[in-house]
Structures are given as structure tokens and as C-alpha cells.
Amino acid sequence: SPQSSTPTRNGTQPPPVPSRSAEIKR
């Protein structure tokens, strides 16, 4: 699910989840 569509109560975005493509390299 996209992270940009789920703002919190104070308007800030939740911490980013590492992408699967990034996990392939590191």
C-alpha cells in the first residue's frame, strides 16, 4: 500500500518501509 495516502493525526508521514528492490542489494 502507498505510504503517502496514510497521514497521521498531526499530518506527518509514517516512517518509510524499506522497498523490496533495496533489500536485494542491501
mmCIF file of all heavy atoms, coordinates in Angstrom:
data_MODEL
# 
_entry.id   MODEL 
# 
loop_
_atom_site.group_PDB 
_atom_site.id 
_atom_site.type_symbol 
_atom_site.label_atom_id 
_atom_site.label_alt_id 
_atom_site.label_comp_id 
_atom_site.label_asym_id 
_atom_site.label_entity_id 
_atom_site.label_seq_id 
_atom_site.pdbx_PDB_ins_code 
_atom_site.Cartn_x 
_atom_site.Cartn_y 
_atom_site.Cartn_z 
_atom_site.occupancy 
_atom_site.B_iso_or_equiv 
_atom_site.pdbx_formal_charge 
_atom_site.auth_seq_id 
_atom_site.auth_comp_id 
_atom_site.auth_asym_id 
_atom_site.auth_atom_id 
_atom_site.pdbx_PDB_model_num 
ATOM 1   N N   . SER A 1 1  ? 0.830  -1.191 0.000  1.00 0.00 ? 1  SER A N   1 
ATOM 2   C CA  . SER A 1 1  ? 0.000  0.000  0.000  1.00 0.00 ? 1  SER A CA  1 
ATOM 3   C C   . SER A 1 1  ? 0.865  1.242  0.000  1.00 0.00 ? 1  SER A C   1 
ATOM 4   O O   . SER A 1 1  ? 1.899  1.286  0.664  1.00 0.00 ? 1  SER A O   1 
ATOM 5   C CB  . SER A 1 1  ? -0.919 0.004  1.226  1.00 0.00 ? 1  SER A CB  1 
ATOM 6   O OG  . SER A 1 1  ? -0.139 0.008  2.392  1.00 0.00 ? 1  SER A OG  1 
ATOM 7   N N   . PRO A 1 2  ? 0.488  2.312  -0.757 1.00 0.00 ? 2  PRO A N   1 
ATOM 8   C CA  . PRO A 1 2  ? 1.303  3.542  -0.777 1.00 0.00 ? 2  PRO A CA  1 
ATOM 9   C C   . PRO A 1 2  ? 1.304  4.207  0.572  1.00 0.00 ? 2  PRO A C   1 
ATOM 10  O O   . PRO A 1 2  ? 0.305  4.229  1.275  1.00 0.00 ? 2  PRO A O   1 
ATOM 11  C CB  . PRO A 1 2  ? 0.600  4.406  -1.837 1.00 0.00 ? 2  PRO A CB  1 
ATOM 12  C CG  . PRO A 1 2  ? -0.807 3.881  -1.876 1.00 0.00 ? 2  PRO A CG  1 
ATOM 13  C CD  . PRO A 1 2  ? -0.721 2.417  -1.605 1.00 0.00 ? 2  PRO A CD  1 
ATOM 14  N N   . GLN A 1 3  ? 2.467  4.739  0.960  1.00 0.00 ? 3  GLN A N   1 
ATOM 15  C CA  . GLN A 1 3  ? 2.593  5.371  2.259  1.00 0.00 ? 3  GLN A CA  1 
ATOM 16  C C   . GLN A 1 3  ? 2.042  6.793  2.264  1.00 0.00 ? 3  GLN A C   1 
ATOM 17  O O   . GLN A 1 3  ? 1.673  7.311  3.303  1.00 0.00 ? 3  GLN A O   1 
ATOM 18  C CB  . GLN A 1 3  ? 4.074  5.396  2.677  1.00 0.00 ? 3  GLN A CB  1 
ATOM 19  C CG  . GLN A 1 3  ? 4.693  4.001  2.734  1.00 0.00 ? 3  GLN A CG  1 
ATOM 20  C CD  . GLN A 1 3  ? 6.163  4.093  3.036  1.00 0.00 ? 3  GLN A CD  1 
ATOM 21  O OE1 . GLN A 1 3  ? 6.623  5.121  3.526  1.00 0.00 ? 3  GLN A OE1 1 
ATOM 22  N NE2 . GLN A 1 3  ? 6.917  3.045  2.729  1.00 0.00 ? 3  GLN A NE2 1 
ATOM 23  N N   . SER A 1 4  ? 2.011  7.460  1.100  1.00 0.00 ? 4  SER A N   1 
ATOM 24  C CA  . SER A 1 4  ? 1.601  8.862  1.061  1.00 0.00 ? 4  SER A CA  1 
ATOM 25  C C   . SER A 1 4  ? 0.120  9.038  1.346  1.00 0.00 ? 4  SER A C   1 
ATOM 26  O O   . SER A 1 4  ? -0.327 10.124 1.677  1.00 0.00 ? 4  SER A O   1 
ATOM 27  C CB  . SER A 1 4  ? 1.938  9.456  -0.319 1.00 0.00 ? 4  SER A CB  1 
ATOM 28  O OG  . SER A 1 4  ? 1.258  8.719  -1.340 1.00 0.00 ? 4  SER A OG  1 
ATOM 29  N N   . SER A 1 5  ? -0.686 7.982  1.227  1.00 0.00 ? 5  SER A N   1 
ATOM 30  C CA  . SER A 1 5  ? -2.128 8.106  1.424  1.00 0.00 ? 5  SER A CA  1 
ATOM 31  C C   . SER A 1 5  ? -2.538 7.859  2.861  1.00 0.00 ? 5  SER A C   1 
ATOM 32  O O   . SER A 1 5  ? -3.724 7.798  3.140  1.00 0.00 ? 5  SER A O   1 
ATOM 33  C CB  . SER A 1 5  ? -2.863 7.117  0.506  1.00 0.00 ? 5  SER A CB  1 
ATOM 34  O OG  . SER A 1 5  ? -2.474 5.793  0.821  1.00 0.00 ? 5  SER A OG  1 
ATOM 35  N N   . THR A 1 6  ? -1.598 7.680  3.780  1.00 0.00 ? 6  THR A N   1 
ATOM 36  C CA  . THR A 1 6  ? -1.961 7.381  5.169  1.00 0.00 ? 6  THR A CA  1 
ATOM 37  C C   . THR A 1 6  ? -1.284 8.356  6.103  1.00 0.00 ? 6  THR A C   1 
ATOM 38  O O   . THR A 1 6  ? -0.363 7.989  6.835  1.00 0.00 ? 6  THR A O   1 
ATOM 39  C CB  . THR A 1 6  ? -1.562 5.939  5.503  1.00 0.00 ? 6  THR A CB  1 
ATOM 40  O OG1 . THR A 1 6  ? -0.150 5.795  5.251  1.00 0.00 ? 6  THR A OG1 1 
ATOM 41  C CG2 . THR A 1 6  ? -2.329 4.929  4.673  1.00 0.00 ? 6  THR A CG2 1 
ATOM 42  N N   . PRO A 1 7  ? -1.698 9.651  6.093  1.00 0.00 ? 7  PRO A N   1 
ATOM 43  C CA  . PRO A 1 7  ? -1.091 10.594 7.039  1.00 0.00 ? 7  PRO A CA  1 
ATOM 44  C C   . PRO A 1 7  ? -1.573 10.317 8.454  1.00 0.00 ? 7  PRO A C   1 
ATOM 45  O O   . PRO A 1 7  ? -2.657 9.768  8.663  1.00 0.00 ? 7  PRO A O   1 
ATOM 46  C CB  . PRO A 1 7  ? -1.580 11.951 6.537  1.00 0.00 ? 7  PRO A CB  1 
ATOM 47  C CG  . PRO A 1 7  ? -2.878 11.636 5.849  1.00 0.00 ? 7  PRO A CG  1 
ATOM 48  C CD  . PRO A 1 7  ? -2.715 10.290 5.242  1.00 0.00 ? 7  PRO A CD  1 
ATOM 49  N N   . THR A 1 8  ? -0.798 10.707 9.438  1.00 0.00 ? 8  THR A N   1 
ATOM 50  C CA  . THR A 1 8  ? -1.177 10.536 10.836 1.00 0.00 ? 8  THR A CA  1 
ATOM 51  C C   . THR A 1 8  ? -2.020 11.737 11.286 1.00 0.00 ? 8  THR A C   1 
ATOM 52  O O   . THR A 1 8  ? -2.319 12.644 10.512 1.00 0.00 ? 8  THR A O   1 
ATOM 53  C CB  . THR A 1 8  ? 0.081  10.420 11.707 1.00 0.00 ? 8  THR A CB  1 
ATOM 54  O OG1 . THR A 1 8  ? 0.882  11.586 11.510 1.00 0.00 ? 8  THR A OG1 1 
ATOM 55  C CG2 . THR A 1 8  ? 0.902  9.199  11.303 1.00 0.00 ? 8  THR A CG2 1 
ATOM 56  N N   . ARG A 1 9  ? -2.376 11.731 12.599 1.00 0.00 ? 9  ARG A N   1 
ATOM 57  C CA  . ARG A 1 9  ? -3.232 12.795 13.125 1.00 0.00 ? 9  ARG A CA  1 
ATOM 58  C C   . ARG A 1 9  ? -2.543 14.145 13.056 1.00 0.00 ? 9  ARG A C   1 
ATOM 59  O O   . ARG A 1 9  ? -3.169 15.152 12.839 1.00 0.00 ? 9  ARG A O   1 
ATOM 60  C CB  . ARG A 1 9  ? -3.614 12.476 14.576 1.00 0.00 ? 9  ARG A CB  1 
ATOM 61  C CG  . ARG A 1 9  ? -4.501 11.253 14.726 1.00 0.00 ? 9  ARG A CG  1 
ATOM 62  C CD  . ARG A 1 9  ? -4.834 11.014 16.178 1.00 0.00 ? 9  ARG A CD  1 
ATOM 63  N NE  . ARG A 1 9  ? -5.631 9.812  16.357 1.00 0.00 ? 9  ARG A NE  1 
ATOM 64  C CZ  . ARG A 1 9  ? -6.948 9.790  16.313 1.00 0.00 ? 9  ARG A CZ  1 
ATOM 65  N NH1 . ARG A 1 9  ? -7.608 10.913 16.100 1.00 0.00 ? 9  ARG A NH1 1 
ATOM 66  N NH2 . ARG A 1 9  ? -7.613 8.656  16.505 1.00 0.00 ? 9  ARG A NH2 1 
ATOM 67  N N   . ASN A 1 10 ? -1.253 14.209 13.243 1.00 0.00 ? 10 ASN A N   1 
ATOM 68  C CA  . ASN A 1 10 ? -0.567 15.501 13.215 1.00 0.00 ? 10 ASN A CA  1 
ATOM 69  C C   . ASN A 1 10 ? -0.089 15.881 11.817 1.00 0.00 ? 10 ASN A C   1 
ATOM 70  O O   . ASN A 1 10 ? 0.641  16.842 11.660 1.00 0.00 ? 10 ASN A O   1 
ATOM 71  C CB  . ASN A 1 10 ? 0.609  15.493 14.184 1.00 0.00 ? 10 ASN A CB  1 
ATOM 72  C CG  . ASN A 1 10 ? 1.566  14.347 13.860 1.00 0.00 ? 10 ASN A CG  1 
ATOM 73  O OD1 . ASN A 1 10 ? 1.392  13.683 12.842 1.00 0.00 ? 10 ASN A OD1 1 
ATOM 74  N ND2 . ASN A 1 10 ? 2.550  14.141 14.727 1.00 0.00 ? 10 ASN A ND2 1 
ATOM 75  N N   . GLY A 1 11 ? -0.455 15.089 10.805 1.00 0.00 ? 11 GLY A N   1 
ATOM 76  C CA  . GLY A 1 11 ? -0.124 15.441 9.426  1.00 0.00 ? 11 GLY A CA  1 
ATOM 77  C C   . GLY A 1 11 ? 1.199  14.916 8.945  1.00 0.00 ? 11 GLY A C   1 
ATOM 78  O O   . GLY A 1 11 ? 1.539  15.117 7.784  1.00 0.00 ? 11 GLY A O   1 
ATOM 79  N N   . THR A 1 12 ? 1.950  14.292 9.778  1.00 0.00 ? 12 THR A N   1 
ATOM 80  C CA  . THR A 1 12 ? 3.250  13.772 9.343  1.00 0.00 ? 12 THR A CA  1 
ATOM 81  C C   . THR A 1 12 ? 3.091  12.380 8.757  1.00 0.00 ? 12 THR A C   1 
ATOM 82  O O   . THR A 1 12 ? 2.138  11.665 9.060  1.00 0.00 ? 12 THR A O   1 
ATOM 83  C CB  . THR A 1 12 ? 4.224  13.711 10.526 1.00 0.00 ? 12 THR A CB  1 
ATOM 84  O OG1 . THR A 1 12 ? 3.659  12.857 11.528 1.00 0.00 ? 12 THR A OG1 1 
ATOM 85  C CG2 . THR A 1 12 ? 4.467  15.096 11.110 1.00 0.00 ? 12 THR A CG2 1 
ATOM 86  N N   . GLN A 1 13 ? 4.069  12.011 7.934  1.00 0.00 ? 13 GLN A N   1 
ATOM 87  C CA  . GLN A 1 13 ? 4.018  10.701 7.307  1.00 0.00 ? 13 GLN A CA  1 
ATOM 88  C C   . GLN A 1 13 ? 4.660  9.653  8.217  1.00 0.00 ? 13 GLN A C   1 
ATOM 89  O O   . GLN A 1 13 ? 5.561  9.966  8.985  1.00 0.00 ? 13 GLN A O   1 
ATOM 90  C CB  . GLN A 1 13 ? 4.775  10.737 5.967  1.00 0.00 ? 13 GLN A CB  1 
ATOM 91  C CG  . GLN A 1 13 ? 4.129  11.619 4.914  1.00 0.00 ? 13 GLN A CG  1 
ATOM 92  C CD  . GLN A 1 13 ? 2.807  11.054 4.449  1.00 0.00 ? 13 GLN A CD  1 
ATOM 93  O OE1 . GLN A 1 13 ? 2.580  9.854  4.542  1.00 0.00 ? 13 GLN A OE1 1 
ATOM 94  N NE2 . GLN A 1 13 ? 1.929  11.923 3.963  1.00 0.00 ? 13 GLN A NE2 1 
ATOM 95  N N   . PRO A 1 14 ? 4.170  8.417  8.159  1.00 0.00 ? 14 PRO A N   1 
ATOM 96  C CA  . PRO A 1 14 ? 4.790  7.333  8.952  1.00 0.00 ? 14 PRO A CA  1 
ATOM 97  C C   . PRO A 1 14 ? 6.184  7.033  8.451  1.00 0.00 ? 14 PRO A C   1 
ATOM 98  O O   . PRO A 1 14 ? 6.535  7.408  7.339  1.00 0.00 ? 14 PRO A O   1 
ATOM 99  C CB  . PRO A 1 14 ? 3.837  6.144  8.728  1.00 0.00 ? 14 PRO A CB  1 
ATOM 100 C CG  . PRO A 1 14 ? 3.194  6.431  7.407  1.00 0.00 ? 14 PRO A CG  1 
ATOM 101 C CD  . PRO A 1 14 ? 3.036  7.924  7.335  1.00 0.00 ? 14 PRO A CD  1 
ATOM 102 N N   . PRO A 1 15 ? 6.988  6.393  9.248  1.00 0.00 ? 15 PRO A N   1 
ATOM 103 C CA  . PRO A 1 15 ? 8.344  6.060  8.803  1.00 0.00 ? 15 PRO A CA  1 
ATOM 104 C C   . PRO A 1 15 ? 8.317  5.180  7.575  1.00 0.00 ? 15 PRO A C   1 
ATOM 105 O O   . PRO A 1 15 ? 7.467  4.299  7.456  1.00 0.00 ? 15 PRO A O   1 
ATOM 106 C CB  . PRO A 1 15 ? 8.945  5.323  10.016 1.00 0.00 ? 15 PRO A CB  1 
ATOM 107 C CG  . PRO A 1 15 ? 7.764  4.857  10.802 1.00 0.00 ? 15 PRO A CG  1 
ATOM 108 C CD  . PRO A 1 15 ? 6.706  5.885  10.586 1.00 0.00 ? 15 PRO A CD  1 
ATOM 109 N N   . PRO A 1 16 ? 9.180  5.448  6.616  1.00 0.00 ? 16 PRO A N   1 
ATOM 110 C CA  . PRO A 1 16 ? 9.162  4.680  5.351  1.00 0.00 ? 16 PRO A CA  1 
ATOM 111 C C   . PRO A 1 16 ? 9.541  3.234  5.587  1.00 0.00 ? 16 PRO A C   1 
ATOM 112 O O   . PRO A 1 16 ? 10.348 2.913  6.452  1.00 0.00 ? 16 PRO A O   1 
ATOM 113 C CB  . PRO A 1 16 ? 10.219 5.394  4.508  1.00 0.00 ? 16 PRO A CB  1 
ATOM 114 C CG  . PRO A 1 16 ? 11.143 6.010  5.504  1.00 0.00 ? 16 PRO A CG  1 
ATOM 115 C CD  . PRO A 1 16 ? 10.279 6.422  6.642  1.00 0.00 ? 16 PRO A CD  1 
ATOM 116 N N   . VAL A 1 17 ? 8.920  2.359  4.803  1.00 0.00 ? 17 VAL A N   1 
ATOM 117 C CA  . VAL A 1 17 ? 9.228  0.933  4.829  1.00 0.00 ? 17 VAL A CA  1 
ATOM 118 C C   . VAL A 1 17 ? 10.237 0.638  3.739  1.00 0.00 ? 17 VAL A C   1 
ATOM 119 O O   . VAL A 1 17 ? 10.061 1.078  2.605  1.00 0.00 ? 17 VAL A O   1 
ATOM 120 C CB  . VAL A 1 17 ? 7.945  0.100  4.594  1.00 0.00 ? 17 VAL A CB  1 
ATOM 121 C CG1 . VAL A 1 17 ? 8.266  -1.384 4.638  1.00 0.00 ? 17 VAL A CG1 1 
ATOM 122 C CG2 . VAL A 1 17 ? 6.909  0.448  5.641  1.00 0.00 ? 17 VAL A CG2 1 
ATOM 123 N N   . PRO A 1 18 ? 11.304 -0.070 4.063  1.00 0.00 ? 18 PRO A N   1 
ATOM 124 C CA  . PRO A 1 18 ? 12.288 -0.376 3.021  1.00 0.00 ? 18 PRO A CA  1 
ATOM 125 C C   . PRO A 1 18 ? 11.658 -1.122 1.875  1.00 0.00 ? 18 PRO A C   1 
ATOM 126 O O   . PRO A 1 18 ? 10.864 -2.037 2.070  1.00 0.00 ? 18 PRO A O   1 
ATOM 127 C CB  . PRO A 1 18 ? 13.318 -1.249 3.754  1.00 0.00 ? 18 PRO A CB  1 
ATOM 128 C CG  . PRO A 1 18 ? 13.126 -0.936 5.211  1.00 0.00 ? 18 PRO A CG  1 
ATOM 129 C CD  . PRO A 1 18 ? 11.686 -0.595 5.363  1.00 0.00 ? 18 PRO A CD  1 
ATOM 130 N N   . SER A 1 19 ? 11.954 -0.700 0.670  1.00 0.00 ? 19 SER A N   1 
ATOM 131 C CA  . SER A 1 19 ? 11.398 -1.328 -0.526 1.00 0.00 ? 19 SER A CA  1 
ATOM 132 C C   . SER A 1 19 ? 12.049 -2.668 -0.762 1.00 0.00 ? 19 SER A C   1 
ATOM 133 O O   . SER A 1 19 ? 13.148 -2.943 -0.321 1.00 0.00 ? 19 SER A O   1 
ATOM 134 C CB  . SER A 1 19 ? 11.617 -0.423 -1.748 1.00 0.00 ? 19 SER A CB  1 
ATOM 135 O OG  . SER A 1 19 ? 13.004 -0.244 -1.978 1.00 0.00 ? 19 SER A OG  1 
ATOM 136 N N   . ARG A 1 20 ? 11.347 -3.526 -1.516 1.00 0.00 ? 20 ARG A N   1 
ATOM 137 C CA  . ARG A 1 20 ? 11.863 -4.857 -1.810 1.00 0.00 ? 20 ARG A CA  1 
ATOM 138 C C   . ARG A 1 20 ? 13.082 -4.792 -2.712 1.00 0.00 ? 20 ARG A C   1 
ATOM 139 O O   . ARG A 1 20 ? 13.993 -5.593 -2.613 1.00 0.00 ? 20 ARG A O   1 
ATOM 140 C CB  . ARG A 1 20 ? 10.778 -5.707 -2.468 1.00 0.00 ? 20 ARG A CB  1 
ATOM 141 C CG  . ARG A 1 20 ? 9.562  -5.903 -1.593 1.00 0.00 ? 20 ARG A CG  1 
ATOM 142 C CD  . ARG A 1 20 ? 9.927  -6.590 -0.302 1.00 0.00 ? 20 ARG A CD  1 
ATOM 143 N NE  . ARG A 1 20 ? 8.750  -6.742 0.568  1.00 0.00 ? 20 ARG A NE  1 
ATOM 144 C CZ  . ARG A 1 20 ? 8.793  -7.234 1.770  1.00 0.00 ? 20 ARG A CZ  1 
ATOM 145 N NH1 . ARG A 1 20 ? 9.941  -7.597 2.275  1.00 0.00 ? 20 ARG A NH1 1 
ATOM 146 N NH2 . ARG A 1 20 ? 7.695  -7.333 2.501  1.00 0.00 ? 20 ARG A NH2 1 
ATOM 147 N N   . SER A 1 21 ? 13.087 -3.810 -3.617 1.00 0.00 ? 21 SER A N   1 
ATOM 148 C CA  . SER A 1 21 ? 14.224 -3.701 -4.525 1.00 0.00 ? 21 SER A CA  1 
ATOM 149 C C   . SER A 1 21 ? 15.477 -3.321 -3.775 1.00 0.00 ? 21 SER A C   1 
ATOM 150 O O   . SER A 1 21 ? 16.579 -3.738 -4.124 1.00 0.00 ? 21 SER A O   1 
ATOM 151 C CB  . SER A 1 21 ? 13.919 -2.682 -5.628 1.00 0.00 ? 21 SER A CB  1 
ATOM 152 O OG  . SER A 1 21 ? 13.669 -1.403 -5.044 1.00 0.00 ? 21 SER A OG  1 
ATOM 153 N N   . ALA A 1 22 ? 15.328 -2.513 -2.712 1.00 0.00 ? 22 ALA A N   1 
ATOM 154 C CA  . ALA A 1 22 ? 16.501 -2.122 -1.934 1.00 0.00 ? 22 ALA A CA  1 
ATOM 155 C C   . ALA A 1 22 ? 17.031 -3.298 -1.138 1.00 0.00 ? 22 ALA A C   1 
ATOM 156 O O   . ALA A 1 22 ? 18.224 -3.408 -0.892 1.00 0.00 ? 22 ALA A O   1 
ATOM 157 C CB  . ALA A 1 22 ? 16.165 -0.967 -1.002 1.00 0.00 ? 22 ALA A CB  1 
ATOM 158 N N   . GLU A 1 23 ? 16.133 -4.196 -0.724 1.00 0.00 ? 23 GLU A N   1 
ATOM 159 C CA  . GLU A 1 23 ? 16.578 -5.344 0.056  1.00 0.00 ? 23 GLU A CA  1 
ATOM 160 C C   . GLU A 1 23 ? 17.407 -6.303 -0.777 1.00 0.00 ? 23 GLU A C   1 
ATOM 161 O O   . GLU A 1 23 ? 18.177 -7.083 -0.251 1.00 0.00 ? 23 GLU A O   1 
ATOM 162 C CB  . GLU A 1 23 ? 15.377 -6.074 0.642  1.00 0.00 ? 23 GLU A CB  1 
ATOM 163 C CG  . GLU A 1 23 ? 14.685 -5.288 1.734  1.00 0.00 ? 23 GLU A CG  1 
ATOM 164 C CD  . GLU A 1 23 ? 13.529 -6.069 2.303  1.00 0.00 ? 23 GLU A CD  1 
ATOM 165 O OE1 . GLU A 1 23 ? 13.270 -7.171 1.808  1.00 0.00 ? 23 GLU A OE1 1 
ATOM 166 O OE2 . GLU A 1 23 ? 12.886 -5.543 3.218  1.00 0.00 ? 23 GLU A OE2 1 
ATOM 167 N N   . ILE A 1 24 ? 17.251 -6.259 -2.092 1.00 0.00 ? 24 ILE A N   1 
ATOM 168 C CA  . ILE A 1 24 ? 18.027 -7.164 -2.935 1.00 0.00 ? 24 ILE A CA  1 
ATOM 169 C C   . ILE A 1 24 ? 19.496 -6.795 -2.880 1.00 0.00 ? 24 ILE A C   1 
ATOM 170 O O   . ILE A 1 24 ? 20.367 -7.645 -2.869 1.00 0.00 ? 24 ILE A O   1 
ATOM 171 C CB  . ILE A 1 24 ? 17.497 -7.115 -4.376 1.00 0.00 ? 24 ILE A CB  1 
ATOM 172 C CG1 . ILE A 1 24 ? 16.042 -7.611 -4.409 1.00 0.00 ? 24 ILE A CG1 1 
ATOM 173 C CG2 . ILE A 1 24 ? 18.374 -7.946 -5.296 1.00 0.00 ? 24 ILE A CG2 1 
ATOM 174 C CD1 . ILE A 1 24 ? 15.428 -7.555 -5.774 1.00 0.00 ? 24 ILE A CD1 1 
ATOM 175 N N   . LYS A 1 25 ? 19.777 -5.476 -2.811 1.00 0.00 ? 25 LYS A N   1 
ATOM 176 C CA  . LYS A 1 25 ? 21.160 -5.031 -2.787 1.00 0.00 ? 25 LYS A CA  1 
ATOM 177 C C   . LYS A 1 25 ? 21.702 -5.005 -1.364 1.00 0.00 ? 25 LYS A C   1 
ATOM 178 O O   . LYS A 1 25 ? 22.796 -5.437 -1.108 1.00 0.00 ? 25 LYS A O   1 
ATOM 179 C CB  . LYS A 1 25 ? 21.260 -3.644 -3.425 1.00 0.00 ? 25 LYS A CB  1 
ATOM 180 C CG  . LYS A 1 25 ? 20.887 -3.633 -4.901 1.00 0.00 ? 25 LYS A CG  1 
ATOM 181 C CD  . LYS A 1 25 ? 21.038 -2.234 -5.486 1.00 0.00 ? 25 LYS A CD  1 
ATOM 182 C CE  . LYS A 1 25 ? 20.678 -2.217 -6.971 1.00 0.00 ? 25 LYS A CE  1 
ATOM 183 N NZ  . LYS A 1 25 ? 20.816 -0.876 -7.552 1.00 0.00 ? 25 LYS A NZ  1 
ATOM 184 N N   . ARG A 1 26 ? 20.938 -4.484 -0.448 1.00 0.00 ? 26 ARG A N   1 
ATOM 185 C CA  . ARG A 1 26 ? 21.373 -4.411 0.945  1.00 0.00 ? 26 ARG A CA  1 
ATOM 186 C C   . ARG A 1 26 ? 20.188 -4.687 1.858  1.00 0.00 ? 26 ARG A C   1 
ATOM 187 O O   . ARG A 1 26 ? 19.058 -4.337 1.536  1.00 0.00 ? 26 ARG A O   1 
ATOM 188 C CB  . ARG A 1 26 ? 21.974 -3.036 1.268  1.00 0.00 ? 26 ARG A CB  1 
ATOM 189 C CG  . ARG A 1 26 ? 23.343 -2.827 0.667  1.00 0.00 ? 26 ARG A CG  1 
ATOM 190 C CD  . ARG A 1 26 ? 23.939 -1.503 1.103  1.00 0.00 ? 26 ARG A CD  1 
ATOM 191 N NE  . ARG A 1 26 ? 25.255 -1.304 0.588  1.00 0.00 ? 26 ARG A NE  1 
ATOM 192 C CZ  . ARG A 1 26 ? 26.361 -1.761 1.158  1.00 0.00 ? 26 ARG A CZ  1 
ATOM 193 N NH1 . ARG A 1 26 ? 26.256 -2.431 2.287  1.00 0.00 ? 26 ARG A NH1 1 
ATOM 194 N NH2 . ARG A 1 26 ? 27.546 -1.547 0.638  1.00 0.00 ? 26 ARG A NH2 1 
# 
